[in-house]
Amino acid sequence: DSPSLVIIPELVKAGAQARAFDPAGMDMAKPMLPRELTYCANAYETCQGADALVLMTEWNQFRNLDWQRVGEAMAGKVVVDLRNVYQPQRMRDLGLDYHCVGRL
């Protein structure tokens, strides 16, 4: 039921060099995702050099990310939060180009 099973293949098809990390579902999802997808050991590795970050799951470890570390690791500053985990104003105050679903 994960949105990643639909979104990631479309991103790869559009030419994105996608990287992924999920603390629980990666092994189960691998057969259903494009072989071009790079799997990472943790959230911070996933962010390294990324132009954009898309949050598609709400595991607790994603709620407590060190956003200074994330921002320093990323090449771009776009964050798309499909689970509305973060507070929009706080993310923008951190200098991130933050987008969420159904909120301003």
C-alpha atoms as a PDB file:
ATOM      1  CA  ASP A   1       0.000   0.000   0.000  1.00  0.00           C
ATOM      2  CA  SER A   2       3.005   2.291   0.101  1.00  0.00           C
ATOM      3  CA  PRO A   3       2.872   5.324  -2.178  1.00  0.00           C
ATOM      4  CA  SER A   4       6.555   4.718  -2.903  1.00  0.00           C
ATOM      5  CA  LEU A   5       5.618   1.730  -5.083  1.00  0.00           C
ATOM      6  CA  VAL A   6       3.891   4.142  -7.477  1.00  0.00           C
ATOM      7  CA  ILE A   7       5.953   7.319  -7.039  1.00  0.00           C
ATOM      8  CA  ILE A   8       9.493   5.927  -7.252  1.00  0.00           C
ATOM      9  CA  PRO A   9       9.000   4.106 -10.581  1.00  0.00           C
ATOM     10  CA  GLU A  10       7.525   7.294 -12.074  1.00  0.00           C
ATOM     11  CA  LEU A  11      10.452   9.386 -10.837  1.00  0.00           C
ATOM     12  CA  VAL A  12      12.947   6.914 -12.297  1.00  0.00           C
ATOM     13  CA  LYS A  13      11.023   6.776 -15.571  1.00  0.00           C
ATOM     14  CA  ALA A  14      11.206  10.591 -15.719  1.00  0.00           C
ATOM     15  CA  GLY A  15      14.986  10.434 -15.358  1.00  0.00           C
ATOM     16  CA  ALA A  16      15.498  10.927 -11.623  1.00  0.00           C
ATOM     17  CA  GLN A  17      18.435   9.261  -9.950  1.00  0.00           C
ATOM     18  CA  ALA A  18      16.431   8.046  -6.970  1.00  0.00           C
ATOM     19  CA  ARG A  19      17.787   6.863  -3.637  1.00  0.00           C
ATOM     20  CA  ALA A  20      15.703   5.288  -0.894  1.00  0.00           C
ATOM     21  CA  PHE A  21      15.742   4.306   2.742  1.00  0.00           C
ATOM     22  CA  ASP A  22      12.999   2.683   4.794  1.00  0.00           C
ATOM     23  CA  PRO A  23      13.839   1.135   8.175  1.00  0.00           C
ATOM     24  CA  ALA A  24      11.287  -1.651   7.788  1.00  0.00           C
ATOM     25  CA  GLY A  25      10.033  -2.084   4.235  1.00  0.00           C
ATOM     26  CA  MET A  26      13.023  -1.987   1.884  1.00  0.00           C
ATOM     27  CA  ASP A  27      13.633  -5.708   1.553  1.00  0.00           C
ATOM     28  CA  MET A  28       9.978  -6.427   0.887  1.00  0.00           C
ATOM     29  CA  ALA A  29       9.679  -3.568  -1.630  1.00  0.00           C
ATOM     30  CA  LYS A  30      12.866  -4.268  -3.648  1.00  0.00           C
ATOM     31  CA  PRO A  31      11.233  -6.747  -6.061  1.00  0.00           C
ATOM     32  CA  MET A  32       8.524  -4.172  -6.845  1.00  0.00           C
ATOM     33  CA  LEU A  33      10.822  -1.190  -7.453  1.00  0.00           C
ATOM     34  CA  PRO A  34      13.093  -0.289 -10.379  1.00  0.00           C
ATOM     35  CA  ARG A  35      16.522  -1.885 -10.318  1.00  0.00           C
ATOM     36  CA  GLU A  36      18.008   1.593 -10.979  1.00  0.00           C
ATOM     37  CA  LEU A  37      16.979   2.656  -7.465  1.00  0.00           C
ATOM     38  CA  THR A  38      19.887   3.041  -5.035  1.00  0.00           C
ATOM     39  CA  TYR A  39      19.223   1.720  -1.521  1.00  0.00           C
ATOM     40  CA  CYS A  40      20.822   3.555   1.391  1.00  0.00           C
ATOM     41  CA  ALA A  41      21.763   2.492   4.920  1.00  0.00           C
ATOM     42  CA  ASN A  42      20.081   5.448   6.661  1.00  0.00           C
ATOM     43  CA  ALA A  43      18.193   8.691   6.096  1.00  0.00           C
ATOM     44  CA  TYR A  44      21.324  10.841   6.067  1.00  0.00           C
ATOM     45  CA  GLU A  45      23.009   8.742   3.378  1.00  0.00           C
ATOM     46  CA  THR A  46      19.854   9.090   1.301  1.00  0.00           C
ATOM     47  CA  CYS A  47      20.067  12.900   1.533  1.00  0.00           C
ATOM     48  CA  GLN A  48      23.722  13.094   0.466  1.00  0.00           C
ATOM     49  CA  GLY A  49      23.907  15.276  -2.653  1.00  0.00           C
ATOM     50  CA  ALA A  50      20.133  15.147  -3.232  1.00  0.00           C
ATOM     51  CA  ASP A  51      18.369  17.955  -5.073  1.00  0.00           C
ATOM     52  CA  ALA A  52      15.105  17.056  -3.327  1.00  0.00           C
ATOM     53  CA  LEU A  53      13.886  14.883  -0.496  1.00  0.00           C
ATOM     54  CA  VAL A  54      10.476  13.217  -0.612  1.00  0.00           C
ATOM     55  CA  LEU A  55       9.140  11.786   2.644  1.00  0.00           C
ATOM     56  CA  MET A  56       6.734   8.942   1.890  1.00  0.00           C
ATOM     57  CA  THR A  57       6.554   7.252   5.294  1.00  0.00           C
ATOM     58  CA  GLU A  58       6.158   8.485   8.835  1.00  0.00           C
ATOM     59  CA  TRP A  59       8.468   6.228  10.858  1.00  0.00           C
ATOM     60  CA  ASN A  60       9.441   7.888  14.146  1.00  0.00           C
ATOM     61  CA  GLN A  61      13.110   8.124  13.184  1.00  0.00           C
ATOM     62  CA  PHE A  62      12.100  10.507  10.369  1.00  0.00           C
ATOM     63  CA  ARG A  63      10.292  12.724  12.872  1.00  0.00           C
ATOM     64  CA  ASN A  64      13.544  13.391  14.713  1.00  0.00           C
ATOM     65  CA  LEU A  65      15.976  14.147  11.903  1.00  0.00           C
ATOM     66  CA  ASP A  66      18.797  16.612  12.448  1.00  0.00           C
ATOM     67  CA  TRP A  67      17.677  19.128   9.820  1.00  0.00           C
ATOM     68  CA  GLN A  68      20.941  21.051   9.928  1.00  0.00           C
ATOM     69  CA  ARG A  69      22.721  17.813   8.990  1.00  0.00           C
ATOM     70  CA  VAL A  70      20.128  17.075   6.285  1.00  0.00           C
ATOM     71  CA  GLY A  71      20.447  20.570   4.828  1.00  0.00           C
ATOM     72  CA  GLU A  72      24.234  20.351   4.757  1.00  0.00           C
ATOM     73  CA  ALA A  73      24.107  16.945   3.030  1.00  0.00           C
ATOM     74  CA  MET A  74      21.658  18.003   0.314  1.00  0.00           C
ATOM     75  CA  ALA A  75      22.651  19.816  -2.875  1.00  0.00           C
ATOM     76  CA  GLY A  76      19.186  21.392  -3.112  1.00  0.00           C
ATOM     77  CA  LYS A  77      16.762  22.468  -0.412  1.00  0.00           C
ATOM     78  CA  VAL A  78      13.439  21.021  -1.651  1.00  0.00           C
ATOM     79  CA  VAL A  79      11.537  18.857   0.835  1.00  0.00           C
ATOM     80  CA  VAL A  80       8.232  17.241  -0.143  1.00  0.00           C
ATOM     81  CA  ASP A  81       6.397  15.824   2.869  1.00  0.00           C
ATOM     82  CA  LEU A  82       3.663  13.463   1.692  1.00  0.00           C
ATOM     83  CA  ARG A  83       2.787  12.501   5.284  1.00  0.00           C
ATOM     84  CA  ASN A  84       2.585  15.972   6.882  1.00  0.00           C
ATOM     85  CA  VAL A  85       5.133  14.998   9.500  1.00  0.00           C
ATOM     86  CA  TYR A  86       6.756  18.409   9.851  1.00  0.00           C
ATOM     87  CA  GLN A  87       5.502  21.866  10.725  1.00  0.00           C
ATOM     88  CA  PRO A  88       5.572  23.979   7.542  1.00  0.00           C
ATOM     89  CA  GLN A  89       6.732  27.232   9.126  1.00  0.00           C
ATOM     90  CA  ARG A  90       9.521  25.555  11.085  1.00  0.00           C
ATOM     91  CA  MET A  91      10.825  23.878   7.929  1.00  0.00           C
ATOM     92  CA  ARG A  92      10.730  27.154   6.025  1.00  0.00           C
ATOM     93  CA  ASP A  93      12.478  28.908   8.921  1.00  0.00           C
ATOM     94  CA  LEU A  94      15.281  26.360   8.443  1.00  0.00           C
ATOM     95  CA  GLY A  95      15.681  27.635   4.871  1.00  0.00           C
ATOM     96  CA  LEU A  96      14.042  24.671   3.188  1.00  0.00           C
ATOM     97  CA  ASP A  97      11.721  24.884   0.183  1.00  0.00           C
ATOM     98  CA  TYR A  98       9.074  22.841   2.004  1.00  0.00           C
ATOM     99  CA  HIS A  99       5.944  21.375   0.418  1.00  0.00           C
ATOM    100  CA  CYS A 100       3.290  19.282   2.125  1.00  0.00           C
ATOM    101  CA  VAL A 101      -0.141  17.912   1.310  1.00  0.00           C
ATOM    102  CA  GLY A 102      -3.266  19.974   2.056  1.00  0.00           C
ATOM    103  CA  ARG A 103      -1.548  22.562   4.246  1.00  0.00           C
ATOM    104  CA  LEU A 104       0.090  25.925   3.586  1.00  0.00           C
END
